[in-house]
Structure formats: structure tokens, C-alpha cells
Full PDB file with SEQRES, HELIX, SHEET, SSBOND, CRYST1, ORIGX, SCALE, CONECT and MASTER records, all heavy atoms in Angstrom:
SEQRES   1 A   34  LEU PHE PRO SER GLN TYR ILE HIS ILE GLY GLY ASP GLU          
SEQRES   2 A   34  CYS PRO LYS THR GLN TRP LYS GLN SER ARG PHE CYS GLN          
SEQRES   3 A   34  ASP MET ILE LYS LYS GLU GLY LEU                              
HELIX    1 AA1 THR A   17  GLN A   21  1                                   5    
HELIX    2 AA2 ARG A   23  LYS A   31  1                                   9    
CRYST1    1.000    1.000    1.000  90.00  90.00  90.00 P 1           1          
ORIGX1      1.000000  0.000000  0.000000        0.00000                         
ORIGX2      0.000000  1.000000  0.000000        0.00000                         
ORIGX3      0.000000  0.000000  1.000000        0.00000                         
SCALE1      1.000000  0.000000  0.000000        0.00000                         
SCALE2      0.000000  1.000000  0.000000        0.00000                         
SCALE3      0.000000  0.000000  1.000000        0.00000                         
ATOM      1  N   LEU A   1      86.844  89.397  27.324  1.00  0.00           N  
ATOM      2  CA  LEU A   1      87.607  90.086  28.370  1.00  0.00           C  
ATOM      3  C   LEU A   1      88.891  89.354  28.736  1.00  0.00           C  
ATOM      4  O   LEU A   1      89.877  89.983  29.123  1.00  0.00           O  
ATOM      5  CB  LEU A   1      86.742  90.243  29.630  1.00  0.00           C  
ATOM      6  CG  LEU A   1      85.494  91.111  29.513  1.00  0.00           C  
ATOM      7  CD1 LEU A   1      84.613  90.932  30.742  1.00  0.00           C  
ATOM      8  CD2 LEU A   1      85.893  92.569  29.350  1.00  0.00           C  
ATOM      9  N   PHE A   2      88.861  88.036  28.644  1.00  0.00           N  
ATOM     10  CA  PHE A   2      89.990  87.210  29.078  1.00  0.00           C  
ATOM     11  C   PHE A   2      90.593  86.474  27.884  1.00  0.00           C  
ATOM     12  O   PHE A   2      89.950  85.597  27.308  1.00  0.00           O  
ATOM     13  CB  PHE A   2      89.529  86.185  30.110  1.00  0.00           C  
ATOM     14  CG  PHE A   2      89.038  86.764  31.401  1.00  0.00           C  
ATOM     15  CD1 PHE A   2      87.700  87.104  31.570  1.00  0.00           C  
ATOM     16  CD2 PHE A   2      89.904  86.966  32.468  1.00  0.00           C  
ATOM     17  CE1 PHE A   2      87.238  87.628  32.759  1.00  0.00           C  
ATOM     18  CE2 PHE A   2      89.454  87.489  33.673  1.00  0.00           C  
ATOM     19  CZ  PHE A   2      88.123  87.828  33.810  1.00  0.00           C  
ATOM     20  N   PRO A   3      91.825  86.785  27.507  1.00  0.00           N  
ATOM     21  CA  PRO A   3      92.462  86.104  26.373  1.00  0.00           C  
ATOM     22  C   PRO A   3      93.059  84.743  26.732  1.00  0.00           C  
ATOM     23  O   PRO A   3      93.702  84.109  25.900  1.00  0.00           O  
ATOM     24  CB  PRO A   3      93.565  87.089  25.960  1.00  0.00           C  
ATOM     25  CG  PRO A   3      93.927  87.796  27.225  1.00  0.00           C  
ATOM     26  CD  PRO A   3      92.647  87.905  28.011  1.00  0.00           C  
ATOM     27  N   SER A   4      92.850  84.271  27.944  1.00  0.00           N  
ATOM     28  CA  SER A   4      93.467  83.027  28.400  1.00  0.00           C  
ATOM     29  C   SER A   4      93.040  81.842  27.551  1.00  0.00           C  
ATOM     30  O   SER A   4      91.920  81.781  27.036  1.00  0.00           O  
ATOM     31  CB  SER A   4      93.071  82.754  29.854  1.00  0.00           C  
ATOM     32  OG  SER A   4      91.658  82.729  30.001  1.00  0.00           O  
ATOM     33  N   GLN A   5      93.949  80.876  27.426  1.00  0.00           N  
ATOM     34  CA  GLN A   5      93.624  79.649  26.696  1.00  0.00           C  
ATOM     35  C   GLN A   5      92.496  78.895  27.402  1.00  0.00           C  
ATOM     36  O   GLN A   5      91.596  78.362  26.766  1.00  0.00           O  
ATOM     37  CB  GLN A   5      94.863  78.749  26.608  1.00  0.00           C  
ATOM     38  CG  GLN A   5      94.617  77.411  25.909  1.00  0.00           C  
ATOM     39  CD  GLN A   5      95.805  76.474  26.000  1.00  0.00           C  
ATOM     40  OE1 GLN A   5      96.668  76.630  26.864  1.00  0.00           O  
ATOM     41  NE2 GLN A   5      95.859  75.499  25.114  1.00  0.00           N  
ATOM     42  N   TYR A   6      92.541  78.874  28.723  1.00  0.00           N  
ATOM     43  CA  TYR A   6      91.573  78.122  29.495  1.00  0.00           C  
ATOM     44  C   TYR A   6      90.419  78.997  29.969  1.00  0.00           C  
ATOM     45  O   TYR A   6      90.611  80.140  30.376  1.00  0.00           O  
ATOM     46  CB  TYR A   6      92.236  77.491  30.723  1.00  0.00           C  
ATOM     47  CG  TYR A   6      93.172  76.354  30.398  1.00  0.00           C  
ATOM     48  CD1 TYR A   6      94.547  76.505  30.528  1.00  0.00           C  
ATOM     49  CD2 TYR A   6      92.680  75.124  29.963  1.00  0.00           C  
ATOM     50  CE1 TYR A   6      95.407  75.464  30.232  1.00  0.00           C  
ATOM     51  CE2 TYR A   6      93.534  74.078  29.668  1.00  0.00           C  
ATOM     52  CZ  TYR A   6      94.900  74.252  29.803  1.00  0.00           C  
ATOM     53  OH  TYR A   6      95.746  73.218  29.502  1.00  0.00           O  
ATOM     54  N   ILE A   7      89.225  78.409  29.939  1.00  0.00           N  
ATOM     55  CA  ILE A   7      88.035  79.006  30.538  1.00  0.00           C  
ATOM     56  C   ILE A   7      87.492  77.980  31.523  1.00  0.00           C  
ATOM     57  O   ILE A   7      87.165  76.852  31.141  1.00  0.00           O  
ATOM     58  CB  ILE A   7      86.966  79.354  29.478  1.00  0.00           C  
ATOM     59  CG1 ILE A   7      87.529  80.307  28.417  1.00  0.00           C  
ATOM     60  CG2 ILE A   7      85.728  79.937  30.143  1.00  0.00           C  
ATOM     61  CD1 ILE A   7      87.932  81.678  28.936  1.00  0.00           C  
ATOM     62  N   HIS A   8      87.399  78.365  32.786  1.00  0.00           N  
ATOM     63  CA  HIS A   8      86.974  77.432  33.831  1.00  0.00           C  
ATOM     64  C   HIS A   8      85.461  77.507  34.001  1.00  0.00           C  
ATOM     65  O   HIS A   8      84.894  78.587  34.147  1.00  0.00           O  
ATOM     66  CB  HIS A   8      87.664  77.806  35.150  1.00  0.00           C  
ATOM     67  CG  HIS A   8      87.784  76.671  36.120  1.00  0.00           C  
ATOM     68  ND1 HIS A   8      86.689  76.008  36.623  1.00  0.00           N  
ATOM     69  CD2 HIS A   8      88.869  76.071  36.689  1.00  0.00           C  
ATOM     70  CE1 HIS A   8      87.093  75.061  37.454  1.00  0.00           C  
ATOM     71  NE2 HIS A   8      88.416  75.078  37.512  1.00  0.00           N  
ATOM     72  N   ILE A   9      84.810  76.343  33.999  1.00  0.00           N  
ATOM     73  CA  ILE A   9      83.347  76.310  34.083  1.00  0.00           C  
ATOM     74  C   ILE A   9      82.859  75.652  35.374  1.00  0.00           C  
ATOM     75  O   ILE A   9      81.671  75.311  35.477  1.00  0.00           O  
ATOM     76  CB  ILE A   9      82.731  75.633  32.842  1.00  0.00           C  
ATOM     77  CG1 ILE A   9      83.329  74.252  32.584  1.00  0.00           C  
ATOM     78  CG2 ILE A   9      82.936  76.512  31.613  1.00  0.00           C  
ATOM     79  CD1 ILE A   9      82.793  73.134  33.436  1.00  0.00           C  
ATOM     80  N   GLY A  10      83.744  75.493  36.348  1.00  0.00           N  
ATOM     81  CA  GLY A  10      83.322  74.901  37.614  1.00  0.00           C  
ATOM     82  C   GLY A  10      83.017  73.422  37.433  1.00  0.00           C  
ATOM     83  O   GLY A  10      83.909  72.603  37.283  1.00  0.00           O  
ATOM     84  N   GLY A  11      81.720  73.094  37.452  1.00  0.00           N  
ATOM     85  CA  GLY A  11      81.316  71.706  37.267  1.00  0.00           C  
ATOM     86  C   GLY A  11      81.290  70.888  38.548  1.00  0.00           C  
ATOM     87  O   GLY A  11      80.995  69.689  38.514  1.00  0.00           O  
ATOM     88  N   ASP A  12      81.580  71.525  39.679  1.00  0.00           N  
ATOM     89  CA  ASP A  12      81.677  70.789  40.942  1.00  0.00           C  
ATOM     90  C   ASP A  12      80.396  70.883  41.746  1.00  0.00           C  
ATOM     91  O   ASP A  12      79.586  71.791  41.559  1.00  0.00           O  
ATOM     92  CB  ASP A  12      82.844  71.336  41.773  1.00  0.00           C  
ATOM     93  CG  ASP A  12      82.652  72.810  42.117  1.00  0.00           C  
ATOM     94  OD1 ASP A  12      82.328  73.587  41.200  1.00  0.00           O  
ATOM     95  OD2 ASP A  12      82.828  73.186  43.293  1.00  0.00           O  
ATOM     96  N   GLU A  13      80.243  69.961  42.660  1.00  0.00           N  
ATOM     97  CA  GLU A  13      79.201  70.003  43.683  1.00  0.00           C  
ATOM     98  C   GLU A  13      77.838  70.408  43.121  1.00  0.00           C  
ATOM     99  O   GLU A  13      77.208  71.359  43.583  1.00  0.00           O  
ATOM    100  CB  GLU A  13      79.622  70.955  44.809  1.00  0.00           C  
ATOM    101  CG  GLU A  13      80.899  70.485  45.515  1.00  0.00           C  
ATOM    102  CD  GLU A  13      81.358  71.436  46.602  1.00  0.00           C  
ATOM    103  OE1 GLU A  13      81.151  72.667  46.447  1.00  0.00           O  
ATOM    104  OE2 GLU A  13      81.934  70.966  47.590  1.00  0.00           O  
ATOM    105  N   CYS A  14      77.389  69.652  42.112  1.00  0.00           N  
ATOM    106  CA  CYS A  14      76.075  69.907  41.517  1.00  0.00           C  
ATOM    107  C   CYS A  14      75.102  68.833  41.999  1.00  0.00           C  
ATOM    108  O   CYS A  14      75.101  67.707  41.484  1.00  0.00           O  
ATOM    109  CB  CYS A  14      76.171  69.895  39.992  1.00  0.00           C  
ATOM    110  SG  CYS A  14      74.567  70.142  39.180  1.00  0.00           S  
ATOM    111  N   PRO A  15      74.271  69.155  42.999  1.00  0.00           N  
ATOM    112  CA  PRO A  15      73.286  68.171  43.466  1.00  0.00           C  
ATOM    113  C   PRO A  15      72.334  67.786  42.337  1.00  0.00           C  
ATOM    114  O   PRO A  15      71.961  68.620  41.500  1.00  0.00           O  
ATOM    115  CB  PRO A  15      72.552  68.896  44.589  1.00  0.00           C  
ATOM    116  CG  PRO A  15      73.482  69.989  45.022  1.00  0.00           C  
ATOM    117  CD  PRO A  15      74.202  70.404  43.764  1.00  0.00           C  
ATOM    118  N   LYS A  16      71.924  66.536  42.323  1.00  0.00           N  
ATOM    119  CA  LYS A  16      71.046  66.037  41.255  1.00  0.00           C  
ATOM    120  C   LYS A  16      69.598  65.923  41.706  1.00  0.00           C  
ATOM    121  O   LYS A  16      68.755  65.382  40.984  1.00  0.00           O  
ATOM    122  CB  LYS A  16      71.557  64.670  40.780  1.00  0.00           C  
ATOM    123  CG  LYS A  16      73.042  64.609  40.422  1.00  0.00           C  
ATOM    124  CD  LYS A  16      73.415  65.568  39.322  1.00  0.00           C  
ATOM    125  CE  LYS A  16      74.839  65.368  38.813  1.00  0.00           C  
ATOM    126  NZ  LYS A  16      75.877  65.684  39.814  1.00  0.00           N  
ATOM    127  N   THR A  17      69.287  66.430  42.910  1.00  0.00           N  
ATOM    128  CA  THR A  17      67.947  66.272  43.482  1.00  0.00           C  
ATOM    129  C   THR A  17      66.857  66.785  42.551  1.00  0.00           C  
ATOM    130  O   THR A  17      65.877  66.066  42.247  1.00  0.00           O  
ATOM    131  CB  THR A  17      67.858  67.011  44.830  1.00  0.00           C  
ATOM    132  OG1 THR A  17      68.889  66.534  45.693  1.00  0.00           O  
ATOM    133  CG2 THR A  17      66.501  66.789  45.478  1.00  0.00           C  
ATOM    134  N   GLN A  18      66.998  68.015  42.068  1.00  0.00           N  
ATOM    135  CA  GLN A  18      65.953  68.595  41.213  1.00  0.00           C  
ATOM    136  C   GLN A  18      65.900  67.904  39.859  1.00  0.00           C  
ATOM    137  O   GLN A  18      64.809  67.748  39.290  1.00  0.00           O  
ATOM    138  CB  GLN A  18      66.214  70.095  41.045  1.00  0.00           C  
ATOM    139  CG  GLN A  18      66.007  70.893  42.328  1.00  0.00           C  
ATOM    140  CD  GLN A  18      66.206  72.379  42.120  1.00  0.00           C  
ATOM    141  OE1 GLN A  18      66.770  72.825  41.106  1.00  0.00           O  
ATOM    142  NE2 GLN A  18      65.748  73.184  43.079  1.00  0.00           N  
ATOM    143  N   TRP A  19      67.027  67.488  39.340  1.00  0.00           N  
ATOM    144  CA  TRP A  19      67.035  66.780  38.061  1.00  0.00           C  
ATOM    145  C   TRP A  19      66.315  65.439  38.178  1.00  0.00           C  
ATOM    146  O   TRP A  19      65.611  65.023  37.259  1.00  0.00           O  
ATOM    147  CB  TRP A  19      68.468  66.571  37.582  1.00  0.00           C  
ATOM    148  CG  TRP A  19      69.164  67.831  37.117  1.00  0.00           C  
ATOM    149  CD1 TRP A  19      68.657  69.085  37.093  1.00  0.00           C  
ATOM    150  CD2 TRP A  19      70.488  67.923  36.603  1.00  0.00           C  
ATOM    151  NE1 TRP A  19      69.578  69.974  36.607  1.00  0.00           N  
ATOM    152  CE2 TRP A  19      70.719  69.289  36.285  1.00  0.00           C  
ATOM    153  CE3 TRP A  19      71.503  67.009  36.389  1.00  0.00           C  
ATOM    154  CZ2 TRP A  19      71.930  69.732  35.757  1.00  0.00           C  
ATOM    155  CZ3 TRP A  19      72.716  67.446  35.855  1.00  0.00           C  
ATOM    156  CH2 TRP A  19      72.920  68.807  35.548  1.00  0.00           C  
ATOM    157  N   LYS A  20      66.495  64.775  39.314  1.00  0.00           N  
ATOM    158  CA  LYS A  20      65.824  63.484  39.522  1.00  0.00           C  
ATOM    159  C   LYS A  20      64.313  63.662  39.596  1.00  0.00           C  
ATOM    160  O   LYS A  20      63.545  62.795  39.164  1.00  0.00           O  
ATOM    161  CB  LYS A  20      66.341  62.832  40.803  1.00  0.00           C  
ATOM    162  CG  LYS A  20      67.752  62.284  40.703  1.00  0.00           C  
ATOM    163  CD  LYS A  20      68.196  61.664  42.020  1.00  0.00           C  
ATOM    164  CE  LYS A  20      69.610  61.107  41.902  1.00  0.00           C  
ATOM    165  NZ  LYS A  20      70.089  60.512  43.182  1.00  0.00           N  
ATOM    166  N   GLN A  21      63.875  64.780  40.146  1.00  0.00           N  
ATOM    167  CA  GLN A  21      62.448  65.033  40.332  1.00  0.00           C  
ATOM    168  C   GLN A  21      61.795  65.667  39.110  1.00  0.00           C  
ATOM    169  O   GLN A  21      60.557  65.764  39.052  1.00  0.00           O  
ATOM    170  CB  GLN A  21      62.241  65.941  41.550  1.00  0.00           C  
ATOM    171  CG  GLN A  21      62.721  65.343  42.861  1.00  0.00           C  
ATOM    172  CD  GLN A  21      62.727  66.348  44.000  1.00  0.00           C  
ATOM    173  OE1 GLN A  21      62.553  67.559  43.773  1.00  0.00           O  
ATOM    174  NE2 GLN A  21      62.936  65.867  45.225  1.00  0.00           N  
ATOM    175  N   SER A  22      62.595  66.085  38.141  1.00  0.00           N  
ATOM    176  CA  SER A  22      62.080  66.838  36.990  1.00  0.00           C  
ATOM    177  C   SER A  22      61.698  65.919  35.837  1.00  0.00           C  
ATOM    178  O   SER A  22      62.513  65.130  35.366  1.00  0.00           O  
ATOM    179  CB  SER A  22      63.146  67.834  36.512  1.00  0.00           C  
ATOM    180  OG  SER A  22      62.870  68.305  35.224  1.00  0.00           O  
ATOM    181  N   ARG A  23      60.450  66.053  35.372  1.00  0.00           N  
ATOM    182  CA  ARG A  23      60.026  65.286  34.196  1.00  0.00           C  
ATOM    183  C   ARG A  23      60.834  65.705  32.973  1.00  0.00           C  
ATOM    184  O   ARG A  23      61.188  64.860  32.144  1.00  0.00           O  
ATOM    185  CB  ARG A  23      58.528  65.510  33.949  1.00  0.00           C  
ATOM    186  CG  ARG A  23      57.999  64.751  32.730  1.00  0.00           C  
ATOM    187  CD  ARG A  23      56.506  64.973  32.542  1.00  0.00           C  
ATOM    188  NE  ARG A  23      55.756  64.460  33.677  1.00  0.00           N  
ATOM    189  CZ  ARG A  23      54.432  64.588  33.787  1.00  0.00           C  
ATOM    190  NH1 ARG A  23      53.733  65.218  32.840  1.00  0.00           N  
ATOM    191  NH2 ARG A  23      53.809  64.097  34.839  1.00  0.00           N  
ATOM    192  N   PHE A  24      61.107  67.001  32.870  1.00  0.00           N  
ATOM    193  CA  PHE A  24      61.912  67.488  31.737  1.00  0.00           C  
ATOM    194  C   PHE A  24      63.274  66.798  31.704  1.00  0.00           C  
ATOM    195  O   PHE A  24      63.709  66.311  30.652  1.00  0.00           O  
ATOM    196  CB  PHE A  24      62.094  69.004  31.828  1.00  0.00           C  
ATOM    197  CG  PHE A  24      63.097  69.556  30.853  1.00  0.00           C  
ATOM    198  CD1 PHE A  24      62.753  69.801  29.533  1.00  0.00           C  
ATOM    199  CD2 PHE A  24      64.407  69.804  31.250  1.00  0.00           C  
ATOM    200  CE1 PHE A  24      63.694  70.287  28.626  1.00  0.00           C  
ATOM    201  CE2 PHE A  24      65.354  70.291  30.364  1.00  0.00           C  
ATOM    202  CZ  PHE A  24      64.986  70.530  29.048  1.00  0.00           C  
ATOM    203  N   CYS A  25      63.954  66.759  32.844  1.00  0.00           N  
ATOM    204  CA  CYS A  25      65.293  66.156  32.877  1.00  0.00           C  
ATOM    205  C   CYS A  25      65.230  64.648  32.628  1.00  0.00           C  
ATOM    206  O   CYS A  25      66.095  64.089  31.930  1.00  0.00           O  
ATOM    207  CB  CYS A  25      65.960  66.449  34.217  1.00  0.00           C  
ATOM    208  SG  CYS A  25      66.430  68.179  34.444  1.00  0.00           S  
ATOM    209  N   GLN A  26      64.239  63.997  33.190  1.00  0.00           N  
ATOM    210  CA  GLN A  26      64.127  62.556  32.977  1.00  0.00           C  
ATOM    211  C   GLN A  26      63.818  62.238  31.511  1.00  0.00           C  
ATOM    212  O   GLN A  26      64.335  61.259  30.949  1.00  0.00           O  
ATOM    213  CB  GLN A  26      63.053  61.970  33.898  1.00  0.00           C  
ATOM    214  CG  GLN A  26      63.397  62.057  35.378  1.00  0.00           C  
ATOM    215  CD  GLN A  26      64.741  61.432  35.714  1.00  0.00           C  
ATOM    216  OE1 GLN A  26      65.021  60.289  35.310  1.00  0.00           O  
ATOM    217  NE2 GLN A  26      65.589  62.173  36.427  1.00  0.00           N  
ATOM    218  N   ASP A  27      62.985  63.065  30.881  1.00  0.00           N  
ATOM    219  CA  ASP A  27      62.713  62.875  29.449  1.00  0.00           C  
ATOM    220  C   ASP A  27      63.977  63.110  28.627  1.00  0.00           C  
ATOM    221  O   ASP A  27      64.220  62.391  27.632  1.00  0.00           O  
ATOM    222  CB  ASP A  27      61.611  63.834  28.996  1.00  0.00           C  
ATOM    223  CG  ASP A  27      60.230  63.440  29.498  1.00  0.00           C  
ATOM    224  OD1 ASP A  27      60.082  62.290  29.974  1.00  0.00           O  
ATOM    225  OD2 ASP A  27      59.310  64.282  29.434  1.00  0.00           O  
ATOM    226  N   MET A  28      64.786  64.101  29.028  1.00  0.00           N  
ATOM    227  CA  MET A  28      66.021  64.363  28.291  1.00  0.00           C  
ATOM    228  C   MET A  28      66.990  63.191  28.433  1.00  0.00           C  
ATOM    229  O   MET A  28      67.687  62.835  27.470  1.00  0.00           O  
ATOM    230  CB  MET A  28      66.676  65.660  28.774  1.00  0.00           C  
ATOM    231  CG  MET A  28      68.028  65.941  28.147  1.00  0.00           C  
ATOM    232  SD  MET A  28      68.615  67.621  28.407  1.00  0.00           S  
ATOM    233  CE  MET A  28      67.663  68.482  27.153  1.00  0.00           C  
ATOM    234  N   ILE A  29      67.068  62.620  29.619  1.00  0.00           N  
ATOM    235  CA  ILE A  29      67.943  61.457  29.823  1.00  0.00           C  
ATOM    236  C   ILE A  29      67.556  60.337  28.856  1.00  0.00           C  
ATOM    237  O   ILE A  29      68.423  59.715  28.219  1.00  0.00           O  
ATOM    238  CB  ILE A  29      67.865  60.980  31.293  1.00  0.00           C  
ATOM    239  CG1 ILE A  29      68.589  61.982  32.205  1.00  0.00           C  
ATOM    240  CG2 ILE A  29      68.469  59.586  31.456  1.00  0.00           C  
ATOM    241  CD1 ILE A  29      68.422  61.702  33.681  1.00  0.00           C  
ATOM    242  N   LYS A  30      66.258  60.091  28.718  1.00  0.00           N  
ATOM    243  CA  LYS A  30      65.791  59.045  27.789  1.00  0.00           C  
ATOM    244  C   LYS A  30      66.051  59.436  26.333  1.00  0.00           C  
ATOM    245  O   LYS A  30      66.523  58.627  25.525  1.00  0.00           O  
ATOM    246  CB  LYS A  30      64.299  58.809  28.007  1.00  0.00           C  
ATOM    247  CG  LYS A  30      63.971  58.186  29.358  1.00  0.00           C  
ATOM    248  CD  LYS A  30      62.465  58.037  29.526  1.00  0.00           C  
ATOM    249  CE  LYS A  30      62.131  57.464  30.900  1.00  0.00           C  
ATOM    250  NZ  LYS A  30      60.654  57.343  31.113  1.00  0.00           N  
ATOM    251  N   LYS A  31      65.764  60.689  26.029  1.00  0.00           N  
ATOM    252  CA  LYS A  31      65.922  61.162  24.647  1.00  0.00           C  
ATOM    253  C   LYS A  31      67.370  61.079  24.182  1.00  0.00           C  
ATOM    254  O   LYS A  31      67.651  60.686  23.038  1.00  0.00           O  
ATOM    255  CB  LYS A  31      65.431  62.610  24.543  1.00  0.00           C  
ATOM    256  CG  LYS A  31      65.631  63.246  23.178  1.00  0.00           C  
ATOM    257  CD  LYS A  31      65.213  64.711  23.199  1.00  0.00           C  
ATOM    258  CE  LYS A  31      65.516  65.393  21.877  1.00  0.00           C  
ATOM    259  NZ  LYS A  31      65.183  66.843  21.908  1.00  0.00           N  
ATOM    260  N   GLU A  32      68.306  61.432  25.048  1.00  0.00           N  
ATOM    261  CA  GLU A  32      69.721  61.450  24.685  1.00  0.00           C  
ATOM    262  C   GLU A  32      70.410  60.115  24.930  1.00  0.00           C  
ATOM    263  O   GLU A  32      71.610  59.979  24.681  1.00  0.00           O  
ATOM    264  CB  GLU A  32      70.450  62.551  25.469  1.00  0.00           C  
ATOM    265  CG  GLU A  32      69.960  63.960  25.182  1.00  0.00           C  
ATOM    266  CD  GLU A  32      70.239  64.401  23.753  1.00  0.00           C  
ATOM    267  OE1 GLU A  32      71.220  63.893  23.148  1.00  0.00           O  
ATOM    268  OE2 GLU A  32      69.493  65.255  23.231  1.00  0.00           O  
ATOM    269  N   GLY A  33      69.651  59.127  25.421  1.00  0.00           N  
ATOM    270  CA  GLY A  33      70.227  57.811  25.661  1.00  0.00           C  
ATOM    271  C   GLY A  33      71.236  57.810  26.792  1.00  0.00           C  
ATOM    272  O   GLY A  33      72.236  57.077  26.746  1.00  0.00           O  
ATOM    273  N   LEU A  34      70.960  58.614  27.811  1.00  0.00           N  
ATOM    274  CA  LEU A  34      71.882  58.732  28.938  1.00  0.00           C  
ATOM    275  C   LEU A  34      71.515  57.729  30.025  1.00  0.00           C  
ATOM    276  O   LEU A  34      70.363  57.294  30.131  1.00  0.00           O  
ATOM    277  CB  LEU A  34      71.838  60.158  29.500  1.00  0.00           C  
ATOM    278  CG  LEU A  34      72.095  61.286  28.489  1.00  0.00           C  
ATOM    279  CD1 LEU A  34      71.893  62.648  29.138  1.00  0.00           C  
ATOM    280  CD2 LEU A  34      73.485  61.166  27.892  1.00  0.00           C  
TER     281      LEU A  34                                                      
MASTER        0    0    0    2    0    0    0    6  280    1    0    3          
END                                                                             
């Protein structure tokens, strides 16, 4: 729909509370070496 060069994805104000509490996210952090 939009031929613009740029596509904005936000990326702001993302609380990490649920990621900290999530086994899935914590396993991904270890798996990806983050």
C-alpha cells in the first residue's frame, strides 16, 4: 500500500516485565547468546 522508502516499526516504550518472567524468553536469550 505504501511505496515509501521507510517503514516505521515503532520500537518504543516496550516494557520487559513479561519477557523477564517468561521461560520462553529467558531460554531464547540463552540460546541466542544475548
